[in-house]
Amino acid sequence: MSTESLKLQLIERLLRTTDESLLRKVADLFRSEKVAEDEDGLTDEHFNIVKEREAAYKRGEGRSYTWEEVREMARKAKNA
């Protein structure tokens, strides 16, 4: 069976079905497939922001923090 033939059969079955449970399973499958394709789960916009920040960091323009510094900043923010 060719890919195109399989697609058509699936489309026809989806159009004919009234089984909401089946439709939800198919929708969940497509959603999980989308996340798997994205690998990191980031939108393109968020991915671009991360890449820009990484580039700035590599140019020496960014700032990194140790775990201890992050923890202390979080504690101060919580108490403020």
PDB file of N, CA and C in Angstrom:
ATOM      1  N   MET A   1       0.847  -1.176   0.000  1.00  0.00           N
ATOM      2  CA  MET A   1       0.000   0.000   0.000  1.00  0.00           C
ATOM      3  C   MET A   1       0.893   1.241   0.000  1.00  0.00           C
ATOM      4  N   SER A   2       0.600   2.150  -0.896  1.00  0.00           N
ATOM      5  CA  SER A   2       1.398   3.365  -0.990  1.00  0.00           C
ATOM      6  C   SER A   2       1.030   4.342   0.132  1.00  0.00           C
ATOM      7  N   THR A   3       1.904   5.264   0.363  1.00  0.00           N
ATOM      8  CA  THR A   3       1.659   6.280   1.390  1.00  0.00           C
ATOM      9  C   THR A   3       0.421   7.094   1.060  1.00  0.00           C
ATOM     10  N   GLU A   4       0.288   7.479  -0.183  1.00  0.00           N
ATOM     11  CA  GLU A   4      -0.880   8.274  -0.582  1.00  0.00           C
ATOM     12  C   GLU A   4      -2.182   7.499  -0.398  1.00  0.00           C
ATOM     13  N   SER A   5      -2.156   6.224  -0.730  1.00  0.00           N
ATOM     14  CA  SER A   5      -3.336   5.387  -0.575  1.00  0.00           C
ATOM     15  C   SER A   5      -3.707   5.250   0.907  1.00  0.00           C
ATOM     16  N   LEU A   6      -2.708   5.064   1.744  1.00  0.00           N
ATOM     17  CA  LEU A   6      -2.944   4.960   3.176  1.00  0.00           C
ATOM     18  C   LEU A   6      -3.532   6.257   3.737  1.00  0.00           C
ATOM     19  N   LYS A   7      -2.988   7.377   3.313  1.00  0.00           N
ATOM     20  CA  LYS A   7      -3.519   8.681   3.753  1.00  0.00           C
ATOM     21  C   LYS A   7      -4.990   8.820   3.387  1.00  0.00           C
ATOM     22  N   LEU A   8      -5.304   8.478   2.160  1.00  0.00           N
ATOM     23  CA  LEU A   8      -6.695   8.593   1.706  1.00  0.00           C
ATOM     24  C   LEU A   8      -7.627   7.684   2.508  1.00  0.00           C
ATOM     25  N   GLN A   9      -7.176   6.464   2.779  1.00  0.00           N
ATOM     26  CA  GLN A   9      -8.000   5.547   3.570  1.00  0.00           C
ATOM     27  C   GLN A   9      -8.229   6.101   4.983  1.00  0.00           C
ATOM     28  N   LEU A  10      -7.191   6.642   5.583  1.00  0.00           N
ATOM     29  CA  LEU A  10      -7.325   7.211   6.931  1.00  0.00           C
ATOM     30  C   LEU A  10      -8.241   8.422   6.943  1.00  0.00           C
ATOM     31  N   ILE A  11      -8.105   9.277   5.931  1.00  0.00           N
ATOM     32  CA  ILE A  11      -8.969  10.455   5.828  1.00  0.00           C
ATOM     33  C   ILE A  11     -10.425  10.030   5.705  1.00  0.00           C
ATOM     34  N   GLU A  12     -10.682   9.059   4.843  1.00  0.00           N
ATOM     35  CA  GLU A  12     -12.052   8.566   4.657  1.00  0.00           C
ATOM     36  C   GLU A  12     -12.613   7.994   5.956  1.00  0.00           C
ATOM     37  N   ARG A  13     -11.781   7.237   6.667  1.00  0.00           N
ATOM     38  CA  ARG A  13     -12.257   6.647   7.932  1.00  0.00           C
ATOM     39  C   ARG A  13     -12.548   7.746   8.961  1.00  0.00           C
ATOM     40  N   LEU A  14     -11.687   8.740   9.036  1.00  0.00           N
ATOM     41  CA  LEU A  14     -11.915   9.844   9.977  1.00  0.00           C
ATOM     42  C   LEU A  14     -13.193  10.610   9.639  1.00  0.00           C
ATOM     43  N   LEU A  15     -13.435  10.800   8.360  1.00  0.00           N
ATOM     44  CA  LEU A  15     -14.647  11.511   7.949  1.00  0.00           C
ATOM     45  C   LEU A  15     -15.914  10.735   8.294  1.00  0.00           C
ATOM     46  N   ARG A  16     -15.842   9.407   8.241  1.00  0.00           N
ATOM     47  CA  ARG A  16     -17.026   8.576   8.496  1.00  0.00           C
ATOM     48  C   ARG A  16     -17.269   8.326   9.986  1.00  0.00           C
ATOM     49  N   THR A  17     -16.226   8.409  10.803  1.00  0.00           N
ATOM     50  CA  THR A  17     -16.382   8.020  12.202  1.00  0.00           C
ATOM     51  C   THR A  17     -17.170   9.045  13.019  1.00  0.00           C
ATOM     52  N   THR A  18     -17.925   8.516  13.947  1.00  0.00           N
ATOM     53  CA  THR A  18     -18.621   9.368  14.921  1.00  0.00           C
ATOM     54  C   THR A  18     -18.105   9.053  16.317  1.00  0.00           C
ATOM     55  N   ASP A  19     -17.088   8.217  16.396  1.00  0.00           N
ATOM     56  CA  ASP A  19     -16.505   7.807  17.672  1.00  0.00           C
ATOM     57  C   ASP A  19     -15.586   8.914  18.185  1.00  0.00           C
ATOM     58  N   GLU A  20     -16.104   9.681  19.147  1.00  0.00           N
ATOM     59  CA  GLU A  20     -15.345  10.819  19.677  1.00  0.00           C
ATOM     60  C   GLU A  20     -14.050  10.355  20.347  1.00  0.00           C
ATOM     61  N   SER A  21     -14.087   9.206  20.987  1.00  0.00           N
ATOM     62  CA  SER A  21     -12.899   8.666  21.640  1.00  0.00           C
ATOM     63  C   SER A  21     -11.780   8.426  20.626  1.00  0.00           C
ATOM     64  N   LEU A  22     -12.140   7.849  19.496  1.00  0.00           N
ATOM     65  CA  LEU A  22     -11.161   7.600  18.445  1.00  0.00           C
ATOM     66  C   LEU A  22     -10.591   8.919  17.911  1.00  0.00           C
ATOM     67  N   LEU A  23     -11.459   9.888  17.701  1.00  0.00           N
ATOM     68  CA  LEU A  23     -11.000  11.183  17.197  1.00  0.00           C
ATOM     69  C   LEU A  23     -10.045  11.860  18.185  1.00  0.00           C
ATOM     70  N   ARG A  24     -10.354  11.749  19.468  1.00  0.00           N
ATOM     71  CA  ARG A  24      -9.461  12.330  20.490  1.00  0.00           C
ATOM     72  C   ARG A  24      -8.111  11.625  20.501  1.00  0.00           C
ATOM     73  N   LYS A  25      -8.121  10.309  20.333  1.00  0.00           N
ATOM     74  CA  LYS A  25      -6.858   9.562  20.283  1.00  0.00           C
ATOM     75  C   LYS A  25      -6.014   9.988  19.087  1.00  0.00           C
ATOM     76  N   VAL A  26      -6.656  10.163  17.954  1.00  0.00           N
ATOM     77  CA  VAL A  26      -5.934  10.602  16.753  1.00  0.00           C
ATOM     78  C   VAL A  26      -5.366  12.012  16.976  1.00  0.00           C
ATOM     79  N   ALA A  27      -6.173  12.893  17.567  1.00  0.00           N
ATOM     80  CA  ALA A  27      -5.705  14.249  17.849  1.00  0.00           C
ATOM     81  C   ALA A  27      -4.514  14.221  18.804  1.00  0.00           C
ATOM     82  N   ASP A  28      -4.582  13.381  19.841  1.00  0.00           N
ATOM     83  CA  ASP A  28      -3.462  13.248  20.780  1.00  0.00           C
ATOM     84  C   ASP A  28      -2.219  12.720  20.084  1.00  0.00           C
ATOM     85  N   LEU A  29      -2.422  11.782  19.187  1.00  0.00           N
ATOM     86  CA  LEU A  29      -1.301  11.231  18.428  1.00  0.00           C
ATOM     87  C   LEU A  29      -0.615  12.317  17.600  1.00  0.00           C
ATOM     88  N   PHE A  30      -1.417  13.136  16.926  1.00  0.00           N
ATOM     89  CA  PHE A  30      -0.840  14.227  16.134  1.00  0.00           C
ATOM     90  C   PHE A  30      -0.122  15.239  17.019  1.00  0.00           C
ATOM     91  N   ARG A  31      -0.706  15.537  18.191  1.00  0.00           N
ATOM     92  CA  ARG A  31      -0.047  16.477  19.113  1.00  0.00           C
ATOM     93  C   ARG A  31       1.280  15.916  19.601  1.00  0.00           C
ATOM     94  N   SER A  32       1.314  14.652  19.974  1.00  0.00           N
ATOM     95  CA  SER A  32       2.557  14.055  20.462  1.00  0.00           C
ATOM     96  C   SER A  32       3.595  13.982  19.344  1.00  0.00           C
ATOM     97  N   GLU A  33       3.141  13.746  18.138  1.00  0.00           N
ATOM     98  CA  GLU A  33       4.050  13.714  16.987  1.00  0.00           C
ATOM     99  C   GLU A  33       4.654  15.090  16.745  1.00  0.00           C
ATOM    100  N   LYS A  34       3.855  16.139  16.911  1.00  0.00           N
ATOM    101  CA  LYS A  34       4.333  17.514  16.725  1.00  0.00           C
ATOM    102  C   LYS A  34       5.426  17.833  17.736  1.00  0.00           C
ATOM    103  N   VAL A  35       5.214  17.434  18.982  1.00  0.00           N
ATOM    104  CA  VAL A  35       6.219  17.673  20.012  1.00  0.00           C
ATOM    105  C   VAL A  35       7.488  16.906  19.694  1.00  0.00           C
ATOM    106  N   ALA A  36       7.345  15.672  19.234  1.00  0.00           N
ATOM    107  CA  ALA A  36       8.514  14.874  18.883  1.00  0.00           C
ATOM    108  C   ALA A  36       9.281  15.510  17.730  1.00  0.00           C
ATOM    109  N   GLU A  37       8.565  16.089  16.771  1.00  0.00           N
ATOM    110  CA  GLU A  37       9.227  16.757  15.648  1.00  0.00           C
ATOM    111  C   GLU A  37      10.002  17.973  16.125  1.00  0.00           C
ATOM    112  N   ASP A  38       9.420  18.689  17.093  1.00  0.00           N
ATOM    113  CA  ASP A  38      10.080  19.881  17.604  1.00  0.00           C
ATOM    114  C   ASP A  38      11.273  19.532  18.482  1.00  0.00           C
ATOM    115  N   GLU A  39      11.373  18.306  18.917  1.00  0.00           N
ATOM    116  CA  GLU A  39      12.417  17.787  19.789  1.00  0.00           C
ATOM    117  C   GLU A  39      12.461  18.503  21.124  1.00  0.00           C
ATOM    118  N   ASP A  40      12.637  19.799  21.120  1.00  0.00           N
ATOM    119  CA  ASP A  40      12.793  20.547  22.358  1.00  0.00           C
ATOM    120  C   ASP A  40      11.488  21.142  22.846  1.00  0.00           C
ATOM    121  N   GLY A  41      10.428  21.055  22.062  1.00  0.00           N
ATOM    122  CA  GLY A  41       9.150  21.579  22.489  1.00  0.00           C
ATOM    123  C   GLY A  41       9.045  23.092  22.432  1.00  0.00           C
ATOM    124  N   LEU A  42      10.030  23.747  21.869  1.00  0.00           N
ATOM    125  CA  LEU A  42      10.016  25.207  21.781  1.00  0.00           C
ATOM    126  C   LEU A  42       9.343  25.658  20.495  1.00  0.00           C
ATOM    127  N   THR A  43       8.654  26.780  20.578  1.00  0.00           N
ATOM    128  CA  THR A  43       8.146  27.386  19.356  1.00  0.00           C
ATOM    129  C   THR A  43       9.326  27.973  18.600  1.00  0.00           C
ATOM    130  N   ASP A  44       9.143  28.282  17.348  1.00  0.00           N
ATOM    131  CA  ASP A  44      10.217  28.899  16.573  1.00  0.00           C
ATOM    132  C   ASP A  44      10.657  30.219  17.201  1.00  0.00           C
ATOM    133  N   GLU A  45       9.687  30.977  17.704  1.00  0.00           N
ATOM    134  CA  GLU A  45      10.007  32.266  18.327  1.00  0.00           C
ATOM    135  C   GLU A  45      10.883  32.073  19.566  1.00  0.00           C
ATOM    136  N   HIS A  46      10.508  31.132  20.418  1.00  0.00           N
ATOM    137  CA  HIS A  46      11.305  30.881  21.616  1.00  0.00           C
ATOM    138  C   HIS A  46      12.679  30.321  21.259  1.00  0.00           C
ATOM    139  N   PHE A  47      12.728  29.451  20.266  1.00  0.00           N
ATOM    140  CA  PHE A  47      14.003  28.894  19.838  1.00  0.00           C
ATOM    141  C   PHE A  47      14.937  30.002  19.357  1.00  0.00           C
ATOM    142  N   ASN A  48      14.389  30.967  18.603  1.00  0.00           N
ATOM    143  CA  ASN A  48      15.204  32.082  18.120  1.00  0.00           C
ATOM    144  C   ASN A  48      15.724  32.937  19.266  1.00  0.00           C
ATOM    145  N   ILE A  49      14.901  33.135  20.292  1.00  0.00           N
ATOM    146  CA  ILE A  49      15.343  33.904  21.465  1.00  0.00           C
ATOM    147  C   ILE A  49      16.507  33.192  22.146  1.00  0.00           C
ATOM    148  N   VAL A  50      16.383  31.885  22.297  1.00  0.00           N
ATOM    149  CA  VAL A  50      17.450  31.110  22.927  1.00  0.00           C
ATOM    150  C   VAL A  50      18.726  31.207  22.099  1.00  0.00           C
ATOM    151  N   LYS A  51      18.595  31.075  20.782  1.00  0.00           N
ATOM    152  CA  LYS A  51      19.779  31.169  19.901  1.00  0.00           C
ATOM    153  C   LYS A  51      20.431  32.544  19.983  1.00  0.00           C
ATOM    154  N   GLU A  52      19.620  33.615  20.044  1.00  0.00           N
ATOM    155  CA  GLU A  52      20.173  34.972  20.168  1.00  0.00           C
ATOM    156  C   GLU A  52      20.927  35.131  21.476  1.00  0.00           C
ATOM    157  N   ARG A  53      20.361  34.617  22.554  1.00  0.00           N
ATOM    158  CA  ARG A  53      21.023  34.714  23.861  1.00  0.00           C
ATOM    159  C   ARG A  53      22.305  33.885  23.888  1.00  0.00           C
ATOM    160  N   GLU A  54      22.274  32.729  23.245  1.00  0.00           N
ATOM    161  CA  GLU A  54      23.480  31.905  23.174  1.00  0.00           C
ATOM    162  C   GLU A  54      24.581  32.638  22.404  1.00  0.00           C
ATOM    163  N   ALA A  55      24.209  33.265  21.291  1.00  0.00           N
ATOM    164  CA  ALA A  55      25.188  34.003  20.490  1.00  0.00           C
ATOM    165  C   ALA A  55      25.776  35.163  21.300  1.00  0.00           C
ATOM    166  N   ALA A  56      24.923  35.880  22.035  1.00  0.00           N
ATOM    167  CA  ALA A  56      25.401  36.989  22.872  1.00  0.00           C
ATOM    168  C   ALA A  56      26.354  36.464  23.938  1.00  0.00           C
ATOM    169  N   TYR A  57      26.018  35.349  24.536  1.00  0.00           N
ATOM    170  CA  TYR A  57      26.877  34.741  25.552  1.00  0.00           C
ATOM    171  C   TYR A  57      28.237  34.379  24.953  1.00  0.00           C
ATOM    172  N   LYS A  58      28.240  33.780  23.769  1.00  0.00           N
ATOM    173  CA  LYS A  58      29.495  33.382  23.123  1.00  0.00           C
ATOM    174  C   LYS A  58      30.345  34.582  22.734  1.00  0.00           C
ATOM    175  N   ARG A  59      29.684  35.729  22.470  1.00  0.00           N
ATOM    176  CA  ARG A  59      30.423  36.956  22.165  1.00  0.00           C
ATOM    177  C   ARG A  59      30.925  37.648  23.431  1.00  0.00           C
ATOM    178  N   GLY A  60      30.604  37.085  24.577  1.00  0.00           N
ATOM    179  CA  GLY A  60      31.024  37.676  25.839  1.00  0.00           C
ATOM    180  C   GLY A  60      30.089  38.759  26.333  1.00  0.00           C
ATOM    181  N   GLU A  61      28.916  38.881  25.712  1.00  0.00           N
ATOM    182  CA  GLU A  61      27.960  39.917  26.085  1.00  0.00           C
ATOM    183  C   GLU A  61      26.943  39.422  27.110  1.00  0.00           C
ATOM    184  N   GLY A  62      26.866  38.137  27.258  1.00  0.00           N
ATOM    185  CA  GLY A  62      25.874  37.561  28.171  1.00  0.00           C
ATOM    186  C   GLY A  62      26.456  37.361  29.552  1.00  0.00           C
ATOM    187  N   ARG A  63      25.609  37.026  30.477  1.00  0.00           N
ATOM    188  CA  ARG A  63      26.031  36.772  31.848  1.00  0.00           C
ATOM    189  C   ARG A  63      25.513  35.408  32.255  1.00  0.00           C
ATOM    190  N   SER A  64      26.358  34.635  32.903  1.00  0.00           N
ATOM    191  CA  SER A  64      25.914  33.353  33.429  1.00  0.00           C
ATOM    192  C   SER A  64      26.056  33.384  34.943  1.00  0.00           C
ATOM    193  N   TYR A  65      25.327  32.508  35.600  1.00  0.00           N
ATOM    194  CA  TYR A  65      25.313  32.472  37.052  1.00  0.00           C
ATOM    195  C   TYR A  65      25.560  31.048  37.521  1.00  0.00           C
ATOM    196  N   THR A  66      26.206  30.938  38.666  1.00  0.00           N
ATOM    197  CA  THR A  66      26.356  29.626  39.279  1.00  0.00           C
ATOM    198  C   THR A  66      25.025  29.255  39.920  1.00  0.00           C
ATOM    199  N   TRP A  67      24.890  27.972  40.256  1.00  0.00           N
ATOM    200  CA  TRP A  67      23.667  27.524  40.907  1.00  0.00           C
ATOM    201  C   TRP A  67      23.485  28.257  42.237  1.00  0.00           C
ATOM    202  N   GLU A  68      24.552  28.487  42.959  1.00  0.00           N
ATOM    203  CA  GLU A  68      24.459  29.188  44.240  1.00  0.00           C
ATOM    204  C   GLU A  68      23.954  30.626  44.041  1.00  0.00           C
ATOM    205  N   GLU A  69      24.449  31.303  43.001  1.00  0.00           N
ATOM    206  CA  GLU A  69      23.995  32.669  42.718  1.00  0.00           C
ATOM    207  C   GLU A  69      22.507  32.693  42.363  1.00  0.00           C
ATOM    208  N   VAL A  70      22.072  31.741  41.563  1.00  0.00           N
ATOM    209  CA  VAL A  70      20.663  31.673  41.169  1.00  0.00           C
ATOM    210  C   VAL A  70      19.795  31.419  42.391  1.00  0.00           C
ATOM    211  N   ARG A  71      20.206  30.494  43.229  1.00  0.00           N
ATOM    212  CA  ARG A  71      19.444  30.176  44.425  1.00  0.00           C
ATOM    213  C   ARG A  71      19.331  31.401  45.345  1.00  0.00           C
ATOM    214  N   GLU A  72      20.428  32.134  45.511  1.00  0.00           N
ATOM    215  CA  GLU A  72      20.408  33.330  46.345  1.00  0.00           C
ATOM    216  C   GLU A  72      19.504  34.419  45.748  1.00  0.00           C
ATOM    217  N   MET A  73      19.543  34.595  44.433  1.00  0.00           N
ATOM    218  CA  MET A  73      18.667  35.585  43.791  1.00  0.00           C
ATOM    219  C   MET A  73      17.202  35.204  43.984  1.00  0.00           C
ATOM    220  N   ALA A  74      16.913  33.914  43.877  1.00  0.00           N
ATOM    221  CA  ALA A  74      15.535  33.451  44.059  1.00  0.00           C
ATOM    222  C   ALA A  74      15.074  33.681  45.493  1.00  0.00           C
ATOM    223  N   ARG A  75      15.940  33.415  46.441  1.00  0.00           N
ATOM    224  CA  ARG A  75      15.583  33.647  47.850  1.00  0.00           C
ATOM    225  C   ARG A  75      15.316  35.129  48.113  1.00  0.00           C
ATOM    226  N   LYS A  76      16.170  35.989  47.572  1.00  0.00           N
ATOM    227  CA  LYS A  76      15.978  37.431  47.769  1.00  0.00           C
ATOM    228  C   LYS A  76      14.681  37.902  47.124  1.00  0.00           C
ATOM    229  N   ALA A  77      14.393  37.404  45.955  1.00  0.00           N
ATOM    230  CA  ALA A  77      13.159  37.800  45.254  1.00  0.00           C
ATOM    231  C   ALA A  77      11.928  37.316  46.030  1.00  0.00           C
ATOM    232  N   LYS A  78      12.019  36.146  46.606  1.00  0.00           N
ATOM    233  CA  LYS A  78      10.898  35.592  47.373  1.00  0.00           C
ATOM    234  C   LYS A  78      10.643  36.411  48.627  1.00  0.00           C
ATOM    235  N   ASN A  79      11.686  36.898  49.262  1.00  0.00           N
ATOM    236  CA  ASN A  79      11.569  37.650  50.503  1.00  0.00           C
ATOM    237  C   ASN A  79      11.273  39.134  50.268  1.00  0.00           C
ATOM    238  N   ALA A  80      11.372  39.572  49.040  1.00  0.00           N
ATOM    239  CA  ALA A  80      11.162  41.001  48.752  1.00  0.00           C
ATOM    240  C   ALA A  80       9.694  41.379  48.718  1.00  0.00           C
TER     241      ALA A  80
END
